[in-house]
PDB file of N, CA and C in Angstrom:
ATOM      1  N   MET A   1      80.965 145.100 160.080  1.00  0.00           N
ATOM      2  CA  MET A   1      80.332 143.840 160.397  1.00  0.00           C
ATOM      3  C   MET A   1      80.851 143.332 161.739  1.00  0.00           C
ATOM      4  N   ASP A   2      79.939 142.907 162.575  1.00  0.00           N
ATOM      5  CA  ASP A   2      80.287 142.410 163.905  1.00  0.00           C
ATOM      6  C   ASP A   2      80.689 140.941 163.808  1.00  0.00           C
ATOM      7  N   SER A   3      81.932 140.627 164.195  1.00  0.00           N
ATOM      8  CA  SER A   3      82.410 139.247 164.097  1.00  0.00           C
ATOM      9  C   SER A   3      82.296 138.498 165.423  1.00  0.00           C
ATOM     10  N   THR A   4      81.631 139.105 166.414  1.00  0.00           N
ATOM     11  CA  THR A   4      81.474 138.451 167.706  1.00  0.00           C
ATOM     12  C   THR A   4      80.510 137.277 167.577  1.00  0.00           C
ATOM     13  N   PRO A   5      80.934 136.066 167.986  1.00  0.00           N
ATOM     14  CA  PRO A   5      80.024 134.920 167.901  1.00  0.00           C
ATOM     15  C   PRO A   5      78.848 135.092 168.853  1.00  0.00           C
ATOM     16  N   ARG A   6      77.718 134.649 168.440  1.00  0.00           N
ATOM     17  CA  ARG A   6      76.502 134.756 169.250  1.00  0.00           C
ATOM     18  C   ARG A   6      76.098 133.387 169.771  1.00  0.00           C
ATOM     19  N   ARG A   7      75.558 133.382 170.981  1.00  0.00           N
ATOM     20  CA  ARG A   7      75.074 132.149 171.586  1.00  0.00           C
ATOM     21  C   ARG A   7      73.719 131.809 170.985  1.00  0.00           C
ATOM     22  N   SER A   8      73.531 130.544 170.694  1.00  0.00           N
ATOM     23  CA  SER A   8      72.247 130.094 170.181  1.00  0.00           C
ATOM     24  C   SER A   8      71.194 130.279 171.269  1.00  0.00           C
ATOM     25  N   LEU A   9      70.016 130.719 170.890  1.00  0.00           N
ATOM     26  CA  LEU A   9      68.950 130.921 171.869  1.00  0.00           C
ATOM     27  C   LEU A   9      68.479 129.604 172.476  1.00  0.00           C
ATOM     28  N   SER A  10      68.718 128.496 171.787  1.00  0.00           N
ATOM     29  CA  SER A  10      68.290 127.205 172.316  1.00  0.00           C
ATOM     30  C   SER A  10      69.238 126.692 173.400  1.00  0.00           C
ATOM     31  N   VAL A  11      70.416 127.307 173.510  1.00  0.00           N
ATOM     32  CA  VAL A  11      71.389 126.897 174.525  1.00  0.00           C
ATOM     33  C   VAL A  11      71.278 127.856 175.703  1.00  0.00           C
ATOM     34  N   PRO A  12      70.996 127.336 176.899  1.00  0.00           N
ATOM     35  CA  PRO A  12      70.854 128.231 178.050  1.00  0.00           C
ATOM     36  C   PRO A  12      72.182 128.888 178.420  1.00  0.00           C
ATOM     37  N   ALA A  13      72.091 130.089 178.935  1.00  0.00           N
ATOM     38  CA  ALA A  13      73.286 130.817 179.370  1.00  0.00           C
ATOM     39  C   ALA A  13      73.877 130.148 180.603  1.00  0.00           C
ATOM     40  N   ILE A  14      75.192 130.233 180.744  1.00  0.00           N
ATOM     41  CA  ILE A  14      75.863 129.668 181.910  1.00  0.00           C
ATOM     42  C   ILE A  14      75.651 130.612 183.083  1.00  0.00           C
ATOM     43  N   LYS A  15      75.181 130.064 184.182  1.00  0.00           N
ATOM     44  CA  LYS A  15      74.988 130.879 185.377  1.00  0.00           C
ATOM     45  C   LYS A  15      76.289 130.879 186.164  1.00  0.00           C
ATOM     46  N   ARG A  16      76.827 132.059 186.374  1.00  0.00           N
ATOM     47  CA  ARG A  16      78.082 132.178 187.105  1.00  0.00           C
ATOM     48  C   ARG A  16      77.797 132.473 188.570  1.00  0.00           C
ATOM     49  N   LYS A  17      78.592 131.872 189.427  1.00  0.00           N
ATOM     50  CA  LYS A  17      78.440 132.104 190.856  1.00  0.00           C
ATOM     51  C   LYS A  17      79.693 132.775 191.383  1.00  0.00           C
ATOM     52  N   HIS A  18      79.490 133.772 192.221  1.00  0.00           N
ATOM     53  CA  HIS A  18      80.621 134.464 192.834  1.00  0.00           C
ATOM     54  C   HIS A  18      81.062 133.683 194.062  1.00  0.00           C
ATOM     55  N   VAL A  19      82.349 133.432 194.158  1.00  0.00           N
ATOM     56  CA  VAL A  19      82.912 132.757 195.328  1.00  0.00           C
ATOM     57  C   VAL A  19      83.939 133.686 195.948  1.00  0.00           C
ATOM     58  N   GLU A  20      83.788 133.940 197.224  1.00  0.00           N
ATOM     59  CA  GLU A  20      84.735 134.786 197.941  1.00  0.00           C
ATOM     60  C   GLU A  20      85.952 133.947 198.294  1.00  0.00           C
ATOM     61  N   PHE A  21      87.038 134.105 197.523  1.00  0.00           N
ATOM     62  CA  PHE A  21      88.212 133.257 197.676  1.00  0.00           C
ATOM     63  C   PHE A  21      88.968 133.503 198.975  1.00  0.00           C
ATOM     64  N   VAL A  22      88.845 134.685 199.535  1.00  0.00           N
ATOM     65  CA  VAL A  22      89.614 134.980 200.739  1.00  0.00           C
ATOM     66  C   VAL A  22      88.952 134.443 201.997  1.00  0.00           C
ATOM     67  N   SER A  23      87.736 133.963 201.883  1.00  0.00           N
ATOM     68  CA  SER A  23      87.055 133.440 203.061  1.00  0.00           C
ATOM     69  C   SER A  23      87.641 132.083 203.450  1.00  0.00           C
ATOM     70  N   PRO A  24      87.547 131.716 204.725  1.00  0.00           N
ATOM     71  CA  PRO A  24      88.101 130.433 205.176  1.00  0.00           C
ATOM     72  C   PRO A  24      87.494 129.224 204.474  1.00  0.00           C
ATOM     73  N   ASP A  25      86.237 129.327 204.090  1.00  0.00           N
ATOM     74  CA  ASP A  25      85.599 128.179 203.432  1.00  0.00           C
ATOM     75  C   ASP A  25      85.619 128.296 201.908  1.00  0.00           C
ATOM     76  N   GLY A  26      86.467 129.175 201.378  1.00  0.00           N
ATOM     77  CA  GLY A  26      86.556 129.354 199.924  1.00  0.00           C
ATOM     78  C   GLY A  26      86.940 128.087 199.197  1.00  0.00           C
ATOM     79  N   GLN A  27      87.863 127.312 199.775  1.00  0.00           N
ATOM     80  CA  GLN A  27      88.287 126.064 199.145  1.00  0.00           C
ATOM     81  C   GLN A  27      87.127 125.084 199.043  1.00  0.00           C
ATOM     82  N   ASP A  28      86.325 124.999 200.105  1.00  0.00           N
ATOM     83  CA  ASP A  28      85.175 124.093 200.088  1.00  0.00           C
ATOM     84  C   ASP A  28      84.161 124.517 199.036  1.00  0.00           C
ATOM     85  N   LYS A  29      83.946 125.824 198.906  1.00  0.00           N
ATOM     86  CA  LYS A  29      82.995 126.322 197.913  1.00  0.00           C
ATOM     87  C   LYS A  29      83.450 125.980 196.498  1.00  0.00           C
ATOM     88  N   ILE A  30      84.740 126.155 196.231  1.00  0.00           N
ATOM     89  CA  ILE A  30      85.266 125.840 194.898  1.00  0.00           C
ATOM     90  C   ILE A  30      85.110 124.355 194.612  1.00  0.00           C
ATOM     91  N   ALA A  31      85.462 123.524 195.583  1.00  0.00           N
ATOM     92  CA  ALA A  31      85.359 122.074 195.404  1.00  0.00           C
ATOM     93  C   ALA A  31      83.909 121.653 195.166  1.00  0.00           C
ATOM     94  N   LYS A  32      82.975 122.233 195.907  1.00  0.00           N
ATOM     95  CA  LYS A  32      81.558 121.888 195.741  1.00  0.00           C
ATOM     96  C   LYS A  32      81.044 122.311 194.366  1.00  0.00           C
ATOM     97  N   LEU A  33      81.438 123.509 193.908  1.00  0.00           N
ATOM     98  CA  LEU A  33      81.018 123.967 192.584  1.00  0.00           C
ATOM     99  C   LEU A  33      81.537 123.029 191.497  1.00  0.00           C
ATOM    100  N   ARG A  34      82.791 122.602 191.631  1.00  0.00           N
ATOM    101  CA  ARG A  34      83.381 121.677 190.648  1.00  0.00           C
ATOM    102  C   ARG A  34      82.660 120.338 190.668  1.00  0.00           C
ATOM    103  N   ASP A  35      82.350 119.833 191.863  1.00  0.00           N
ATOM    104  CA  ASP A  35      81.670 118.543 191.979  1.00  0.00           C
ATOM    105  C   ASP A  35      80.276 118.598 191.366  1.00  0.00           C
ATOM    106  N   ARG A  36      79.563 119.692 191.601  1.00  0.00           N
ATOM    107  CA  ARG A  36      78.204 119.821 191.066  1.00  0.00           C
ATOM    108  C   ARG A  36      78.192 119.948 189.548  1.00  0.00           C
ATOM    109  N   ALA A  37      79.190 120.620 189.007  1.00  0.00           N
ATOM    110  CA  ALA A  37      79.229 120.844 187.560  1.00  0.00           C
ATOM    111  C   ALA A  37      79.610 119.575 186.803  1.00  0.00           C
ATOM    112  N   GLY A  38      80.357 118.695 187.442  1.00  0.00           N
ATOM    113  CA  GLY A  38      80.725 117.427 186.813  1.00  0.00           C
ATOM    114  C   GLY A  38      81.518 117.609 185.543  1.00  0.00           C
ATOM    115  N   GLU A  39      81.070 116.969 184.479  1.00  0.00           N
ATOM    116  CA  GLU A  39      81.793 116.979 183.209  1.00  0.00           C
ATOM    117  C   GLU A  39      81.587 118.263 182.410  1.00  0.00           C
ATOM    118  N   GLU A  40      80.721 119.154 182.885  1.00  0.00           N
ATOM    119  CA  GLU A  40      80.434 120.383 182.147  1.00  0.00           C
ATOM    120  C   GLU A  40      81.589 121.384 182.212  1.00  0.00           C
ATOM    121  N   ILE A  41      82.500 121.200 183.153  1.00  0.00           N
ATOM    122  CA  ILE A  41      83.616 122.134 183.301  1.00  0.00           C
ATOM    123  C   ILE A  41      84.686 121.810 182.266  1.00  0.00           C
ATOM    124  N   PRO A  42      85.111 122.803 181.488  1.00  0.00           N
ATOM    125  CA  PRO A  42      86.188 122.570 180.512  1.00  0.00           C
ATOM    126  C   PRO A  42      87.497 122.213 181.221  1.00  0.00           C
ATOM    127  N   THR A  43      88.353 121.508 180.515  1.00  0.00           N
ATOM    128  CA  THR A  43      89.627 121.064 181.085  1.00  0.00           C
ATOM    129  C   THR A  43      90.447 122.229 181.620  1.00  0.00           C
ATOM    130  N   TYR A  44      90.491 123.343 180.863  1.00  0.00           N
ATOM    131  CA  TYR A  44      91.296 124.481 181.316  1.00  0.00           C
ATOM    132  C   TYR A  44      90.781 125.032 182.638  1.00  0.00           C
ATOM    133  N   ALA A  45      89.467 124.997 182.855  1.00  0.00           N
ATOM    134  CA  ALA A  45      88.902 125.493 184.109  1.00  0.00           C
ATOM    135  C   ALA A  45      89.252 124.560 185.267  1.00  0.00           C
ATOM    136  N   LYS A  46      89.278 123.256 184.992  1.00  0.00           N
ATOM    137  CA  LYS A  46      89.677 122.301 186.030  1.00  0.00           C
ATOM    138  C   LYS A  46      91.129 122.528 186.435  1.00  0.00           C
ATOM    139  N   VAL A  47      91.994 122.744 185.448  1.00  0.00           N
ATOM    140  CA  VAL A  47      93.414 122.989 185.736  1.00  0.00           C
ATOM    141  C   VAL A  47      93.563 124.272 186.550  1.00  0.00           C
ATOM    142  N   MET A  48      92.844 125.312 186.157  1.00  0.00           N
ATOM    143  CA  MET A  48      92.937 126.592 186.865  1.00  0.00           C
ATOM    144  C   MET A  48      92.448 126.467 188.304  1.00  0.00           C
ATOM    145  N   THR A  49      91.328 125.769 188.519  1.00  0.00           N
ATOM    146  CA  THR A  49      90.817 125.634 189.883  1.00  0.00           C
ATOM    147  C   THR A  49      91.725 124.740 190.721  1.00  0.00           C
ATOM    148  N   ASP A  50      92.326 123.712 190.109  1.00  0.00           N
ATOM    149  CA  ASP A  50      93.298 122.882 190.835  1.00  0.00           C
ATOM    150  C   ASP A  50      94.467 123.735 191.317  1.00  0.00           C
ATOM    151  N   CYS A  51      94.994 124.551 190.419  1.00  0.00           N
ATOM    152  CA  CYS A  51      96.114 125.434 190.781  1.00  0.00           C
ATOM    153  C   CYS A  51      95.704 126.421 191.860  1.00  0.00           C
ATOM    154  N   LEU A  52      94.505 126.957 191.742  1.00  0.00           N
ATOM    155  CA  LEU A  52      94.013 127.908 192.732  1.00  0.00           C
ATOM    156  C   LEU A  52      93.891 127.249 194.103  1.00  0.00           C
ATOM    157  N   LEU A  53      93.332 126.044 194.145  1.00  0.00           N
ATOM    158  CA  LEU A  53      93.185 125.342 195.415  1.00  0.00           C
ATOM    159  C   LEU A  53      94.544 125.029 196.041  1.00  0.00           C
ATOM    160  N   LYS A  54      95.501 124.613 195.216  1.00  0.00           N
ATOM    161  CA  LYS A  54      96.847 124.322 195.729  1.00  0.00           C
ATOM    162  C   LYS A  54      97.505 125.587 196.276  1.00  0.00           C
ATOM    163  N   THR A  55      97.345 126.689 195.558  1.00  0.00           N
ATOM    164  CA  THR A  55      97.924 127.961 195.999  1.00  0.00           C
ATOM    165  C   THR A  55      97.287 128.419 197.302  1.00  0.00           C
ATOM    166  N   MET A  56      95.967 128.286 197.397  1.00  0.00           N
ATOM    167  CA  MET A  56      95.274 128.680 198.622  1.00  0.00           C
ATOM    168  C   MET A  56      95.752 127.844 199.805  1.00  0.00           C
ATOM    169  N   LYS A  57      95.942 126.548 199.573  1.00  0.00           N
ATOM    170  CA  LYS A  57      96.414 125.664 200.641  1.00  0.00           C
ATOM    171  C   LYS A  57      97.821 126.061 201.078  1.00  0.00           C
ATOM    172  N   GLN A  58      98.691 126.336 200.114  1.00  0.00           N
ATOM    173  CA  GLN A  58     100.059 126.746 200.436  1.00  0.00           C
ATOM    174  C   GLN A  58     100.076 128.063 201.205  1.00  0.00           C
ATOM    175  N   MET A  59      99.249 128.998 200.786  1.00  0.00           N
ATOM    176  CA  MET A  59      99.194 130.293 201.466  1.00  0.00           C
ATOM    177  C   MET A  59      98.691 130.130 202.895  1.00  0.00           C
ATOM    178  N   SER A  60      97.726 129.250 203.081  1.00  0.00           N
ATOM    179  CA  SER A  60      97.199 128.988 204.416  1.00  0.00           C
ATOM    180  C   SER A  60      98.275 128.389 205.316  1.00  0.00           C
ATOM    181  N   GLU A  61      99.052 127.444 204.769  1.00  0.00           N
ATOM    182  CA  GLU A  61     100.131 126.827 205.542  1.00  0.00           C
ATOM    183  C   GLU A  61     101.206 127.850 205.902  1.00  0.00           C
ATOM    184  N   ILE A  62     101.545 128.719 204.971  1.00  0.00           N
ATOM    185  CA  ILE A  62     102.542 129.763 205.239  1.00  0.00           C
ATOM    186  C   ILE A  62     102.034 130.716 206.314  1.00  0.00           C
ATOM    187  N   HIS A  63     100.761 131.072 206.214  1.00  0.00           N
ATOM    188  CA  HIS A  63     100.162 131.987 207.187  1.00  0.00           C
ATOM    189  C   HIS A  63     100.198 131.374 208.590  1.00  0.00           C
ATOM    190  N   GLN A  64      99.941 130.065 208.685  1.00  0.00           N
ATOM    191  CA  GLN A  64      99.952 129.393 209.988  1.00  0.00           C
ATOM    192  C   GLN A  64     101.359 129.357 210.582  1.00  0.00           C
ATOM    193  N   CYS A  65     102.376 129.300 209.743  1.00  0.00           N
ATOM    194  CA  CYS A  65     103.766 129.292 210.227  1.00  0.00           C
ATOM    195  C   CYS A  65     104.128 130.601 210.920  1.00  0.00           C
ATOM    196  N   PHE A  66     103.527 131.697 210.476  1.00  0.00           N
ATOM    197  CA  PHE A  66     103.858 133.000 211.033  1.00  0.00           C
ATOM    198  C   PHE A  66     102.982 133.377 212.217  1.00  0.00           C
ATOM    199  N   ASN A  67     101.984 132.576 212.506  1.00  0.00           N
ATOM    200  CA  ASN A  67     101.086 132.874 213.645  1.00  0.00           C
ATOM    201  C   ASN A  67     101.373 131.989 214.817  1.00  0.00           C
TER     202      ASN A  67
END
């Protein structure tokens, strides 16, 4: 017996968008996606994207120190 939960046909599938994180405008793309989604984003996803944005900012600052 398959115990995998199935999505109800009345609920539309979530459309996922690919974001190139290594691009210079990756932070802007992530922020725009979060703003457009509004309250639909689960709390864990907000925490993960916050951490990702902070890490990207820190990496950018470190990279600028070496250039």
